[in-house]
PDB file of N, CA and C in Angstrom:
ATOM      1  N   MET A   1       1.015  -1.165   0.062  1.00  0.00           N
ATOM      2  CA  MET A   1      -0.109  -0.127   0.027  1.00  0.00           C
ATOM      3  C   MET A   1       0.887   1.174  -0.276  1.00  0.00           C
ATOM      4  N   LYS A   2       2.337   1.428   0.547  1.00  0.00           N
ATOM      5  CA  LYS A   2       2.798   2.189   0.870  1.00  0.00           C
ATOM      6  C   LYS A   2       3.443   2.572  -0.554  1.00  0.00           C
ATOM      7  N   THR A   3       3.844   1.347  -1.511  1.00  0.00           N
ATOM      8  CA  THR A   3       4.632   1.533  -2.698  1.00  0.00           C
ATOM      9  C   THR A   3       3.576   2.288  -3.735  1.00  0.00           C
ATOM     10  N   PHE A   4       2.231   1.880  -3.637  1.00  0.00           N
ATOM     11  CA  PHE A   4       1.004   2.531  -4.191  1.00  0.00           C
ATOM     12  C   PHE A   4       0.903   4.058  -4.171  1.00  0.00           C
ATOM     13  N   LEU A   5       1.091   4.236  -2.593  1.00  0.00           N
ATOM     14  CA  LEU A   5       1.037   5.973  -2.619  1.00  0.00           C
ATOM     15  C   LEU A   5       2.446   6.586  -3.102  1.00  0.00           C
ATOM     16  N   TYR A   6       3.139   5.934  -2.863  1.00  0.00           N
ATOM     17  CA  TYR A   6       4.867   6.891  -3.270  1.00  0.00           C
ATOM     18  C   TYR A   6       4.951   6.697  -4.861  1.00  0.00           C
ATOM     19  N   LEU A   7       3.763   5.939  -5.295  1.00  0.00           N
ATOM     20  CA  LEU A   7       3.823   5.620  -6.630  1.00  0.00           C
ATOM     21  C   LEU A   7       3.132   6.890  -7.330  1.00  0.00           C
ATOM     22  N   CYS A   8       1.750   6.895  -6.748  1.00  0.00           N
ATOM     23  CA  CYS A   8       0.779   8.177  -6.793  1.00  0.00           C
ATOM     24  C   CYS A   8       1.246   9.475  -6.868  1.00  0.00           C
ATOM     25  N   ALA A   9       2.080   9.558  -5.714  1.00  0.00           N
ATOM     26  CA  ALA A   9       2.621  10.875  -5.464  1.00  0.00           C
ATOM     27  C   ALA A   9       3.388  11.335  -6.544  1.00  0.00           C
ATOM     28  N   ALA A  10       4.352  10.186  -7.034  1.00  0.00           N
ATOM     29  CA  ALA A  10       5.338  10.623  -7.963  1.00  0.00           C
ATOM     30  C   ALA A  10       5.141  10.691  -9.121  1.00  0.00           C
ATOM     31  N   LEU A  11       3.531  10.341  -9.746  1.00  0.00           N
ATOM     32  CA  LEU A  11       3.001  10.393 -10.988  1.00  0.00           C
ATOM     33  C   LEU A  11       2.394  11.737 -10.624  1.00  0.00           C
ATOM     34  N   GLY A  12       1.710  11.899  -9.743  1.00  0.00           N
ATOM     35  CA  GLY A  12       1.121  13.824  -9.430  1.00  0.00           C
ATOM     36  C   GLY A  12       2.367  14.501  -9.580  1.00  0.00           C
ATOM     37  N   VAL A  13       3.392  14.530  -9.157  1.00  0.00           N
ATOM     38  CA  VAL A  13       4.498  15.578  -9.092  1.00  0.00           C
ATOM     39  C   VAL A  13       4.956  15.616 -10.825  1.00  0.00           C
ATOM     40  N   MET A  14       5.119  14.233 -11.092  1.00  0.00           N
ATOM     41  CA  MET A  14       5.468  14.356 -12.619  1.00  0.00           C
ATOM     42  C   MET A  14       4.168  15.003 -13.512  1.00  0.00           C
ATOM     43  N   GLY A  15       3.053  14.990 -13.126  1.00  0.00           N
ATOM     44  CA  GLY A  15       2.066  15.595 -13.649  1.00  0.00           C
ATOM     45  C   GLY A  15       2.237  17.093 -13.676  1.00  0.00           C
ATOM     46  N   LEU A  16       2.376  17.392 -12.535  1.00  0.00           N
ATOM     47  CA  LEU A  16       2.178  18.741 -12.111  1.00  0.00           C
ATOM     48  C   LEU A  16       3.621  19.458 -12.703  1.00  0.00           C
ATOM     49  N   ALA A  17       4.888  18.752 -12.886  1.00  0.00           N
ATOM     50  CA  ALA A  17       6.029  19.426 -13.618  1.00  0.00           C
ATOM     51  C   ALA A  17       5.761  19.687 -15.280  1.00  0.00           C
ATOM     52  N   PHE A  18       4.908  18.673 -15.592  1.00  0.00           N
ATOM     53  CA  PHE A  18       4.701  18.242 -16.991  1.00  0.00           C
ATOM     54  C   PHE A  18       3.328  20.075 -17.059  1.00  0.00           C
ATOM     55  N   TRP A  19       2.746  19.941 -16.287  1.00  0.00           N
ATOM     56  CA  TRP A  19       1.760  20.973 -16.328  1.00  0.00           C
ATOM     57  C   TRP A  19       2.410  22.319 -16.306  1.00  0.00           C
ATOM     58  N   ALA A  20       3.429  22.626 -15.239  1.00  0.00           N
ATOM     59  CA  ALA A  20       4.165  23.687 -15.210  1.00  0.00           C
ATOM     60  C   ALA A  20       4.930  24.000 -16.178  1.00  0.00           C
ATOM     61  N   TYR A  21       5.628  23.057 -17.038  1.00  0.00           N
ATOM     62  CA  TYR A  21       6.511  23.115 -18.110  1.00  0.00           C
ATOM     63  C   TYR A  21       5.773  23.742 -19.301  1.00  0.00           C
ATOM     64  N   GLN A  22       4.384  23.402 -19.405  1.00  0.00           N
ATOM     65  CA  GLN A  22       3.473  23.996 -20.635  1.00  0.00           C
ATOM     66  C   GLN A  22       3.260  25.331 -20.229  1.00  0.00           C
ATOM     67  N   GLU A  23       2.927  25.923 -18.987  1.00  0.00           N
ATOM     68  CA  GLU A  23       2.363  27.217 -18.729  1.00  0.00           C
ATOM     69  C   GLU A  23       3.353  27.812 -18.989  1.00  0.00           C
ATOM     70  N   ASN A  24       4.608  27.654 -18.555  1.00  0.00           N
ATOM     71  CA  ASN A  24       6.106  28.474 -18.860  1.00  0.00           C
ATOM     72  C   ASN A  24       5.981  28.710 -20.177  1.00  0.00           C
ATOM     73  N   TYR A  25       6.052  27.647 -21.214  1.00  0.00           N
ATOM     74  CA  TYR A  25       6.307  27.677 -22.636  1.00  0.00           C
ATOM     75  C   TYR A  25       5.254  28.656 -23.182  1.00  0.00           C
ATOM     76  N   GLN A  26       3.765  28.553 -22.501  1.00  0.00           N
ATOM     77  CA  GLN A  26       2.630  28.989 -23.304  1.00  0.00           C
ATOM     78  C   GLN A  26       2.791  30.527 -22.808  1.00  0.00           C
ATOM     79  N   THR A  27       3.633  30.890 -21.495  1.00  0.00           N
ATOM     80  CA  THR A  27       3.916  32.169 -20.917  1.00  0.00           C
ATOM     81  C   THR A  27       4.810  32.827 -21.717  1.00  0.00           C
ATOM     82  N   GLN A  28       5.804  32.172 -22.162  1.00  0.00           N
ATOM     83  CA  GLN A  28       6.806  32.569 -23.116  1.00  0.00           C
ATOM     84  C   GLN A  28       6.543  32.912 -24.284  1.00  0.00           C
ATOM     85  N   ALA A  29       5.621  32.256 -24.881  1.00  0.00           N
ATOM     86  CA  ALA A  29       5.075  32.162 -26.155  1.00  0.00           C
ATOM     87  C   ALA A  29       4.266  33.719 -26.304  1.00  0.00           C
ATOM     88  N   ALA A  30       3.344  34.036 -24.938  1.00  0.00           N
ATOM     89  CA  ALA A  30       2.517  35.150 -25.150  1.00  0.00           C
ATOM     90  C   ALA A  30       2.998  36.308 -24.944  1.00  0.00           C
ATOM     91  N   LEU A  31       4.425  36.355 -24.180  1.00  0.00           N
ATOM     92  CA  LEU A  31       5.515  37.299 -23.710  1.00  0.00           C
ATOM     93  C   LEU A  31       5.939  37.939 -25.295  1.00  0.00           C
ATOM     94  N   LYS A  32       6.544  36.957 -26.311  1.00  0.00           N
ATOM     95  CA  LYS A  32       6.732  36.997 -27.355  1.00  0.00           C
ATOM     96  C   LYS A  32       5.955  37.929 -28.026  1.00  0.00           C
ATOM     97  N   GLN A  33       4.613  37.548 -27.942  1.00  0.00           N
ATOM     98  CA  GLN A  33       3.502  37.945 -28.849  1.00  0.00           C
ATOM     99  C   GLN A  33       3.713  39.285 -28.561  1.00  0.00           C
ATOM    100  N   SER A  34       3.520  39.349 -27.131  1.00  0.00           N
ATOM    101  CA  SER A  34       2.896  40.879 -26.795  1.00  0.00           C
ATOM    102  C   SER A  34       4.042  41.871 -27.230  1.00  0.00           C
ATOM    103  N   ALA A  35       5.634  41.422 -27.094  1.00  0.00           N
ATOM    104  CA  ALA A  35       6.436  42.396 -27.208  1.00  0.00           C
ATOM    105  C   ALA A  35       6.516  42.296 -28.721  1.00  0.00           C
ATOM    106  N   LYS A  36       6.030  41.413 -29.688  1.00  0.00           N
ATOM    107  CA  LYS A  36       5.622  41.862 -31.400  1.00  0.00           C
ATOM    108  C   LYS A  36       4.878  42.842 -31.601  1.00  0.00           C
ATOM    109  N   VAL A  37       3.661  42.541 -30.891  1.00  0.00           N
ATOM    110  CA  VAL A  37       2.781  43.721 -31.045  1.00  0.00           C
ATOM    111  C   VAL A  37       3.344  45.381 -30.527  1.00  0.00           C
ATOM    112  N   LYS A  38       3.662  45.004 -29.476  1.00  0.00           N
ATOM    113  CA  LYS A  38       4.148  46.192 -28.985  1.00  0.00           C
ATOM    114  C   LYS A  38       5.228  46.741 -30.029  1.00  0.00           C
ATOM    115  N   ARG A  39       5.662  46.224 -30.350  1.00  0.00           N
ATOM    116  CA  ARG A  39       6.825  46.840 -31.808  1.00  0.00           C
ATOM    117  C   ARG A  39       6.094  47.192 -32.422  1.00  0.00           C
ATOM    118  N   GLU A  40       5.150  46.406 -33.048  1.00  0.00           N
ATOM    119  CA  GLU A  40       4.262  47.089 -34.331  1.00  0.00           C
ATOM    120  C   GLU A  40       3.744  48.362 -34.098  1.00  0.00           C
ATOM    121  N   ILE A  41       3.330  48.328 -32.801  1.00  0.00           N
ATOM    122  CA  ILE A  41       2.357  49.770 -32.368  1.00  0.00           C
ATOM    123  C   ILE A  41       3.459  50.848 -32.858  1.00  0.00           C
ATOM    124  N   GLY A  42       4.493  50.514 -32.205  1.00  0.00           N
ATOM    125  CA  GLY A  42       5.240  51.522 -32.218  1.00  0.00           C
ATOM    126  C   GLY A  42       6.032  51.901 -33.413  1.00  0.00           C
ATOM    127  N   GLU A  43       5.631  51.170 -34.431  1.00  0.00           N
ATOM    128  CA  GLU A  43       6.500  51.271 -35.812  1.00  0.00           C
ATOM    129  C   GLU A  43       5.243  52.094 -36.353  1.00  0.00           C
ATOM    130  N   LEU A  44       3.800  51.619 -36.300  1.00  0.00           N
ATOM    131  CA  LEU A  44       2.531  52.363 -36.749  1.00  0.00           C
ATOM    132  C   LEU A  44       2.384  53.640 -36.061  1.00  0.00           C
ATOM    133  N   ARG A  45       3.002  53.747 -34.946  1.00  0.00           N
ATOM    134  CA  ARG A  45       2.896  55.244 -34.082  1.00  0.00           C
ATOM    135  C   ARG A  45       3.651  56.113 -34.686  1.00  0.00           C
ATOM    136  N   GLN A  46       4.804  55.688 -35.087  1.00  0.00           N
ATOM    137  CA  GLN A  46       5.986  56.449 -36.114  1.00  0.00           C
ATOM    138  C   GLN A  46       5.769  56.947 -37.201  1.00  0.00           C
ATOM    139  N   SER A  47       4.962  55.908 -38.422  1.00  0.00           N
ATOM    140  CA  SER A  47       4.442  56.215 -39.559  1.00  0.00           C
ATOM    141  C   SER A  47       3.624  57.148 -39.223  1.00  0.00           C
ATOM    142  N   LEU A  48       2.617  56.939 -38.126  1.00  0.00           N
ATOM    143  CA  LEU A  48       1.650  58.072 -38.304  1.00  0.00           C
ATOM    144  C   LEU A  48       2.326  59.359 -38.143  1.00  0.00           C
ATOM    145  N   ALA A  49       3.018  59.575 -37.109  1.00  0.00           N
ATOM    146  CA  ALA A  49       3.447  60.818 -36.631  1.00  0.00           C
ATOM    147  C   ALA A  49       4.129  61.432 -38.331  1.00  0.00           C
ATOM    148  N   ILE A  50       4.954  60.654 -38.911  1.00  0.00           N
ATOM    149  CA  ILE A  50       5.357  61.240 -40.425  1.00  0.00           C
ATOM    150  C   ILE A  50       4.490  61.329 -41.023  1.00  0.00           C
ATOM    151  N   LEU A  51       3.521  60.744 -41.421  1.00  0.00           N
ATOM    152  CA  LEU A  51       2.552  61.109 -42.275  1.00  0.00           C
ATOM    153  C   LEU A  51       1.326  62.091 -41.965  1.00  0.00           C
ATOM    154  N   ASN A  52       1.133  62.521 -40.713  1.00  0.00           N
ATOM    155  CA  ASN A  52       0.494  63.651 -39.870  1.00  0.00           C
ATOM    156  C   ASN A  52       1.789  65.064 -40.428  1.00  0.00           C
ATOM    157  N   ALA A  53       2.914  64.845 -40.095  1.00  0.00           N
ATOM    158  CA  ALA A  53       3.984  65.847 -41.001  1.00  0.00           C
ATOM    159  C   ALA A  53       3.961  65.933 -42.037  1.00  0.00           C
ATOM    160  N   GLU A  54       3.913  65.231 -43.149  1.00  0.00           N
ATOM    161  CA  GLU A  54       3.565  65.454 -44.431  1.00  0.00           C
ATOM    162  C   GLU A  54       2.340  66.062 -44.990  1.00  0.00           C
ATOM    163  N   TRP A  55       1.236  65.427 -44.404  1.00  0.00           N
ATOM    164  CA  TRP A  55      -0.081  66.344 -44.553  1.00  0.00           C
ATOM    165  C   TRP A  55      -0.005  68.016 -44.195  1.00  0.00           C
ATOM    166  N   ALA A  56       0.559  67.858 -42.529  1.00  0.00           N
ATOM    167  CA  ALA A  56       0.605  69.504 -42.358  1.00  0.00           C
ATOM    168  C   ALA A  56       1.602  70.508 -43.641  1.00  0.00           C
ATOM    169  N   TYR A  57       2.575  69.496 -44.052  1.00  0.00           N
ATOM    170  CA  TYR A  57       3.654  70.303 -44.977  1.00  0.00           C
ATOM    171  C   TYR A  57       2.928  70.559 -46.295  1.00  0.00           C
ATOM    172  N   LEU A  58       1.863  69.353 -46.622  1.00  0.00           N
ATOM    173  CA  LEU A  58       1.053  69.753 -47.618  1.00  0.00           C
ATOM    174  C   LEU A  58       0.045  70.427 -48.054  1.00  0.00           C
ATOM    175  N   ASN A  59      -0.549  70.914 -46.803  1.00  0.00           N
ATOM    176  CA  ASN A  59      -1.832  71.728 -46.750  1.00  0.00           C
ATOM    177  C   ASN A  59      -1.356  73.201 -45.938  1.00  0.00           C
ATOM    178  N   ARG A  60       0.213  73.589 -46.475  1.00  0.00           N
ATOM    179  CA  ARG A  60       0.291  74.964 -46.159  1.00  0.00           C
ATOM    180  C   ARG A  60      -0.872  75.701 -46.836  1.00  0.00           C
ATOM    181  N   PRO A  61      -1.275  77.023 -46.297  1.00  0.00           N
ATOM    182  CA  PRO A  61      -2.127  77.649 -47.242  1.00  0.00           C
ATOM    183  C   PRO A  61      -1.254  78.377 -48.229  1.00  0.00           C
ATOM    184  N   GLU A  62       0.234  78.933 -47.986  1.00  0.00           N
ATOM    185  CA  GLU A  62       0.692  79.434 -48.994  1.00  0.00           C
ATOM    186  C   GLU A  62       0.803  78.237 -50.361  1.00  0.00           C
ATOM    187  N   ARG A  63       1.300  77.038 -49.859  1.00  0.00           N
ATOM    188  CA  ARG A  63       1.547  76.142 -51.003  1.00  0.00           C
ATOM    189  C   ARG A  63       0.046  75.737 -51.946  1.00  0.00           C
ATOM    190  N   LEU A  64      -1.001  75.936 -50.994  1.00  0.00           N
ATOM    191  CA  LEU A  64      -2.178  75.775 -51.725  1.00  0.00           C
ATOM    192  C   LEU A  64      -2.638  76.806 -52.478  1.00  0.00           C
ATOM    193  N   ALA A  65      -2.569  78.019 -52.124  1.00  0.00           N
ATOM    194  CA  ALA A  65      -2.896  79.206 -52.650  1.00  0.00           C
ATOM    195  C   ALA A  65      -2.048  79.180 -54.402  1.00  0.00           C
ATOM    196  N   GLU A  66      -0.681  78.961 -54.258  1.00  0.00           N
ATOM    197  CA  GLU A  66      -0.055  78.616 -55.304  1.00  0.00           C
ATOM    198  C   GLU A  66      -0.570  77.413 -56.282  1.00  0.00           C
ATOM    199  N   LEU A  67      -0.695  76.551 -55.598  1.00  0.00           N
ATOM    200  CA  LEU A  67      -1.501  75.504 -56.657  1.00  0.00           C
ATOM    201  C   LEU A  67      -2.973  76.109 -57.277  1.00  0.00           C
ATOM    202  N   ALA A  68      -3.429  76.479 -56.381  1.00  0.00           N
ATOM    203  CA  ALA A  68      -4.595  77.057 -57.173  1.00  0.00           C
ATOM    204  C   ALA A  68      -4.553  78.454 -58.111  1.00  0.00           C
ATOM    205  N   GLU A  69      -3.317  79.116 -58.084  1.00  0.00           N
ATOM    206  CA  GLU A  69      -3.136  79.938 -59.120  1.00  0.00           C
ATOM    207  C   GLU A  69      -2.771  79.367 -60.450  1.00  0.00           C
ATOM    208  N   ILE A  70      -1.844  78.158 -60.114  1.00  0.00           N
ATOM    209  CA  ILE A  70      -1.002  77.485 -61.255  1.00  0.00           C
ATOM    210  C   ILE A  70      -2.323  76.774 -62.064  1.00  0.00           C
ATOM    211  N   ASN A  71      -3.266  76.326 -61.344  1.00  0.00           N
ATOM    212  CA  ASN A  71      -3.846  75.692 -62.225  1.00  0.00           C
ATOM    213  C   ASN A  71      -5.499  75.865 -62.074  1.00  0.00           C
ATOM    214  N   PHE A  72      -5.420  77.396 -62.392  1.00  0.00           N
ATOM    215  CA  PHE A  72      -6.640  78.166 -62.358  1.00  0.00           C
ATOM    216  C   PHE A  72      -7.317  78.176 -63.451  1.00  0.00           C
ATOM    217  N   ASP A  73      -6.955  77.692 -64.638  1.00  0.00           N
ATOM    218  CA  ASP A  73      -7.622  77.366 -65.642  1.00  0.00           C
ATOM    219  C   ASP A  73      -8.364  76.349 -65.932  1.00  0.00           C
ATOM    220  N   ARG A  74      -7.601  75.364 -64.857  1.00  0.00           N
ATOM    221  CA  ARG A  74      -8.547  73.533 -65.118  1.00  0.00           C
ATOM    222  C   ARG A  74      -9.427  73.900 -63.772  1.00  0.00           C
ATOM    223  N   LEU A  75      -9.333  74.500 -62.742  1.00  0.00           N
ATOM    224  CA  LEU A  75      -9.901  74.363 -61.886  1.00  0.00           C
ATOM    225  C   LEU A  75     -11.155  75.462 -61.533  1.00  0.00           C
ATOM    226  N   GLY A  76     -10.570  76.727 -61.642  1.00  0.00           N
ATOM    227  CA  GLY A  76     -11.111  77.728 -61.637  1.00  0.00           C
ATOM    228  C   GLY A  76     -12.005  78.219 -60.310  1.00  0.00           C
ATOM    229  N   LEU A  77     -10.647  77.877 -59.325  1.00  0.00           N
ATOM    230  CA  LEU A  77     -10.928  78.123 -57.839  1.00  0.00           C
ATOM    231  C   LEU A  77     -10.438  79.475 -57.600  1.00  0.00           C
ATOM    232  N   LEU A  78     -11.375  80.315 -56.799  1.00  0.00           N
ATOM    233  CA  LEU A  78     -11.339  81.498 -56.507  1.00  0.00           C
ATOM    234  C   LEU A  78     -10.813  81.580 -54.717  1.00  0.00           C
ATOM    235  N   PRO A  79     -10.366  82.620 -54.530  1.00  0.00           N
ATOM    236  CA  PRO A  79     -10.309  82.741 -53.040  1.00  0.00           C
ATOM    237  C   PRO A  79     -11.922  82.775 -52.359  1.00  0.00           C
ATOM    238  N   LEU A  80     -11.996  82.569 -51.243  1.00  0.00           N
ATOM    239  CA  LEU A  80     -13.280  82.694 -50.407  1.00  0.00           C
ATOM    240  C   LEU A  80     -13.518  84.257 -49.961  1.00  0.00           C
ATOM    241  N   GLU A  81     -14.646  84.534 -50.301  1.00  0.00           N
ATOM    242  CA  GLU A  81     -15.113  86.070 -50.317  1.00  0.00           C
ATOM    243  C   GLU A  81     -15.921  86.062 -48.749  1.00  0.00           C
ATOM    244  N   PRO A  82     -16.256  87.373 -48.124  1.00  0.00           N
ATOM    245  CA  PRO A  82     -17.141  87.090 -47.061  1.00  0.00           C
ATOM    246  C   PRO A  82     -18.315  87.219 -47.567  1.00  0.00           C
ATOM    247  N   GLU A  83     -18.609  87.581 -48.988  1.00  0.00           N
ATOM    248  CA  GLU A  83     -20.314  87.698 -49.328  1.00  0.00           C
ATOM    249  C   GLU A  83     -21.136  86.370 -49.634  1.00  0.00           C
ATOM    250  N   GLN A  84     -20.112  85.255 -49.420  1.00  0.00           N
ATOM    251  CA  GLN A  84     -20.014  83.702 -50.193  1.00  0.00           C
ATOM    252  C   GLN A  84     -20.507  83.020 -48.819  1.00  0.00           C
ATOM    253  N   PHE A  85     -20.588  83.763 -47.551  1.00  0.00           N
ATOM    254  CA  PHE A  85     -21.179  83.267 -46.532  1.00  0.00           C
ATOM    255  C   PHE A  85     -22.281  83.476 -46.388  1.00  0.00           C
ATOM    256  N   GLY A  86     -23.762  82.781 -45.732  1.00  0.00           N
ATOM    257  CA  GLY A  86     -25.298  82.972 -45.089  1.00  0.00           C
ATOM    258  C   GLY A  86     -24.857  83.317 -43.921  1.00  0.00           C
ATOM    259  N   ALA A  87     -26.163  84.110 -43.773  1.00  0.00           N
ATOM    260  CA  ALA A  87     -26.576  84.507 -42.072  1.00  0.00           C
ATOM    261  C   ALA A  87     -27.146  83.295 -41.379  1.00  0.00           C
ATOM    262  N   VAL A  88     -26.746  83.541 -39.881  1.00  0.00           N
ATOM    263  CA  VAL A  88     -27.215  82.268 -38.864  1.00  0.00           C
ATOM    264  C   VAL A  88     -28.882  82.288 -39.497  1.00  0.00           C
ATOM    265  N   GLU A  89     -29.411  83.478 -39.746  1.00  0.00           N
ATOM    266  CA  GLU A  89     -31.089  83.330 -39.922  1.00  0.00           C
ATOM    267  C   GLU A  89     -31.676  82.560 -41.174  1.00  0.00           C
ATOM    268  N   GLN A  90     -30.782  82.535 -42.229  1.00  0.00           N
ATOM    269  CA  GLN A  90     -30.906  81.806 -43.016  1.00  0.00           C
ATOM    270  C   GLN A  90     -31.330  79.983 -42.918  1.00  0.00           C
ATOM    271  N   VAL A  91     -30.516  79.552 -42.109  1.00  0.00           N
ATOM    272  CA  VAL A  91     -30.461  78.387 -41.869  1.00  0.00           C
ATOM    273  C   VAL A  91     -31.697  77.619 -41.012  1.00  0.00           C
ATOM    274  N   ALA A  92     -32.518  76.801 -41.633  1.00  0.00           N
ATOM    275  CA  ALA A  92     -33.481  76.224 -41.215  1.00  0.00           C
ATOM    276  C   ALA A  92     -33.318  75.477 -40.061  1.00  0.00           C
ATOM    277  N   PHE A  93     -33.193  75.593 -38.714  1.00  0.00           N
ATOM    278  CA  PHE A  93     -33.391  74.659 -37.603  1.00  0.00           C
ATOM    279  C   PHE A  93     -34.068  73.954 -37.434  1.00  0.00           C
ATOM    280  N   PRO A  94     -34.186  72.316 -37.167  1.00  0.00           N
ATOM    281  CA  PRO A  94     -35.472  71.626 -36.666  1.00  0.00           C
ATOM    282  C   PRO A  94     -36.420  72.478 -35.537  1.00  0.00           C
ATOM    283  N   PRO A  95     -37.581  72.375 -35.674  1.00  0.00           N
ATOM    284  CA  PRO A  95     -38.238  72.733 -34.500  1.00  0.00           C
ATOM    285  C   PRO A  95     -37.949  71.766 -33.357  1.00  0.00           C
ATOM    286  N   PRO A  96     -37.992  72.820 -31.840  1.00  0.00           N
ATOM    287  CA  PRO A  96     -38.003  71.890 -30.882  1.00  0.00           C
ATOM    288  C   PRO A  96     -38.941  70.263 -30.730  1.00  0.00           C
ATOM    289  N   PRO A  97     -38.867  69.528 -29.973  1.00  0.00           N
ATOM    290  CA  PRO A  97     -39.650  68.141 -29.851  1.00  0.00           C
ATOM    291  C   PRO A  97     -40.604  68.847 -29.169  1.00  0.00           C
ATOM    292  N   VAL A  98     -41.631  68.294 -29.523  1.00  0.00           N
ATOM    293  CA  VAL A  98     -42.985  68.807 -28.488  1.00  0.00           C
ATOM    294  C   VAL A  98     -43.374  67.797 -27.699  1.00  0.00           C
ATOM    295  N   LEU A  99     -43.540  67.793 -26.413  1.00  0.00           N
ATOM    296  CA  LEU A  99     -43.695  66.749 -25.266  1.00  0.00           C
ATOM    297  C   LEU A  99     -45.238  66.598 -25.141  1.00  0.00           C
ATOM    298  N   PRO A 100     -45.698  65.621 -25.159  1.00  0.00           N
ATOM    299  CA  PRO A 100     -47.236  65.273 -24.689  1.00  0.00           C
ATOM    300  C   PRO A 100     -47.402  65.879 -23.169  1.00  0.00           C
ATOM    301  N   ILE A 101     -48.920  66.174 -23.078  1.00  0.00           N
ATOM    302  CA  ILE A 101     -49.421  66.705 -22.109  1.00  0.00           C
ATOM    303  C   ILE A 101     -49.271  65.995 -20.882  1.00  0.00           C
ATOM    304  N   THR A 102     -49.145  64.434 -20.949  1.00  0.00           N
ATOM    305  CA  THR A 102     -49.088  63.804 -20.133  1.00  0.00           C
ATOM    306  C   THR A 102     -47.596  63.547 -18.982  1.00  0.00           C
ATOM    307  N   ASP A 103     -46.923  64.097 -20.156  1.00  0.00           N
ATOM    308  CA  ASP A 103     -45.473  63.852 -19.211  1.00  0.00           C
ATOM    309  C   ASP A 103     -45.168  64.950 -18.086  1.00  0.00           C
ATOM    310  N   PRO A 104     -44.684  64.533 -17.118  1.00  0.00           N
ATOM    311  CA  PRO A 104     -44.453  65.340 -15.752  1.00  0.00           C
ATOM    312  C   PRO A 104     -43.551  66.293 -16.193  1.00  0.00           C
ATOM    313  N   ILE A 105     -43.464  67.778 -15.980  1.00  0.00           N
ATOM    314  CA  ILE A 105     -42.391  68.688 -16.050  1.00  0.00           C
ATOM    315  C   ILE A 105     -41.709  68.470 -14.840  1.00  0.00           C
ATOM    316  N   GLU A 106     -40.240  68.815 -14.981  1.00  0.00           N
ATOM    317  CA  GLU A 106     -39.579  69.162 -13.880  1.00  0.00           C
ATOM    318  C   GLU A 106     -39.536  70.670 -13.502  1.00  0.00           C
ATOM    319  N   VAL A 107     -39.834  70.542 -12.270  1.00  0.00           N
ATOM    320  CA  VAL A 107     -39.337  71.997 -11.907  1.00  0.00           C
ATOM    321  C   VAL A 107     -38.625  72.366 -11.055  1.00  0.00           C
ATOM    322  N   ARG A 108     -37.687  73.445 -11.028  1.00  0.00           N
ATOM    323  CA  ARG A 108     -36.492  73.861  -9.676  1.00  0.00           C
ATOM    324  C   ARG A 108     -36.802  74.783  -9.109  1.00  0.00           C
ATOM    325  N   GLY A 109     -36.096  74.988  -7.984  1.00  0.00           N
ATOM    326  CA  GLY A 109     -36.470  76.141  -7.323  1.00  0.00           C
ATOM    327  C   GLY A 109     -37.486  76.097  -6.131  1.00  0.00           C
ATOM    328  N   GLN A 110     -37.382  76.935  -5.334  1.00  0.00           N
ATOM    329  CA  GLN A 110     -38.951  76.708  -4.457  1.00  0.00           C
ATOM    330  C   GLN A 110     -39.596  77.511  -4.690  1.00  0.00           C
ATOM    331  N   LEU A 111     -41.159  77.918  -4.296  1.00  0.00           N
ATOM    332  CA  LEU A 111     -41.656  78.453  -4.288  1.00  0.00           C
ATOM    333  C   LEU A 111     -41.931  79.699  -3.048  1.00  0.00           C
ATOM    334  N   ASP A 112     -42.260  80.798  -3.106  1.00  0.00           N
ATOM    335  CA  ASP A 112     -42.119  81.577  -2.002  1.00  0.00           C
ATOM    336  C   ASP A 112     -43.723  81.649  -1.322  1.00  0.00           C
ATOM    337  N   GLY A 113     -43.991  82.361  -0.313  1.00  0.00           N
ATOM    338  CA  GLY A 113     -45.083  81.963   0.120  1.00  0.00           C
ATOM    339  C   GLY A 113     -46.610  82.403  -0.513  1.00  0.00           C
ATOM    340  N   GLU A 114     -46.173  82.961  -1.470  1.00  0.00           N
ATOM    341  CA  GLU A 114     -47.489  83.504  -1.978  1.00  0.00           C
ATOM    342  C   GLU A 114     -47.537  82.225  -3.591  1.00  0.00           C
ATOM    343  N   GLY A 115     -46.999  81.137  -3.510  1.00  0.00           N
ATOM    344  CA  GLY A 115     -46.814  80.333  -4.694  1.00  0.00           C
ATOM    345  C   GLY A 115     -46.320  80.673  -5.754  1.00  0.00           C
ATOM    346  N   GLN A 116     -45.540  81.903  -6.148  1.00  0.00           N
ATOM    347  CA  GLN A 116     -44.922  82.224  -7.023  1.00  0.00           C
ATOM    348  C   GLN A 116     -43.135  81.818  -6.847  1.00  0.00           C
ATOM    349  N   PHE A 117     -42.709  81.729  -8.077  1.00  0.00           N
ATOM    350  CA  PHE A 117     -41.288  81.888  -8.055  1.00  0.00           C
ATOM    351  C   PHE A 117     -40.315  83.019  -7.646  1.00  0.00           C
ATOM    352  N   PRO A 118     -39.263  82.698  -6.963  1.00  0.00           N
ATOM    353  CA  PRO A 118     -38.318  84.125  -6.685  1.00  0.00           C
ATOM    354  C   PRO A 118     -37.914  84.752  -8.152  1.00  0.00           C
TER     355      PRO A 118
END
């Protein structure tokens, strides 16, 4: 009976050791994958910063004005004038929503002694 317990304990220790090694290898693989993803994110952020700088360089107002002058015959672009903008009164805003009569209305504040709001 004693040898059976020793055998079971040895098998248990070997099983736990096998499980621990598997977990170790999976953890190492996950760490490598994480480092790879972080490196890729860093590279993508760097390329995004470069693209943003190029975009800002290409969208300089003096450069765009020069391009508009060069290509005026083809595009017919003119500078913006204040008369081209409309007034706020000309904008058709949607009407405010109409609440049903049955909905309660929230009232804030305290009434004075005569039942009026101060």
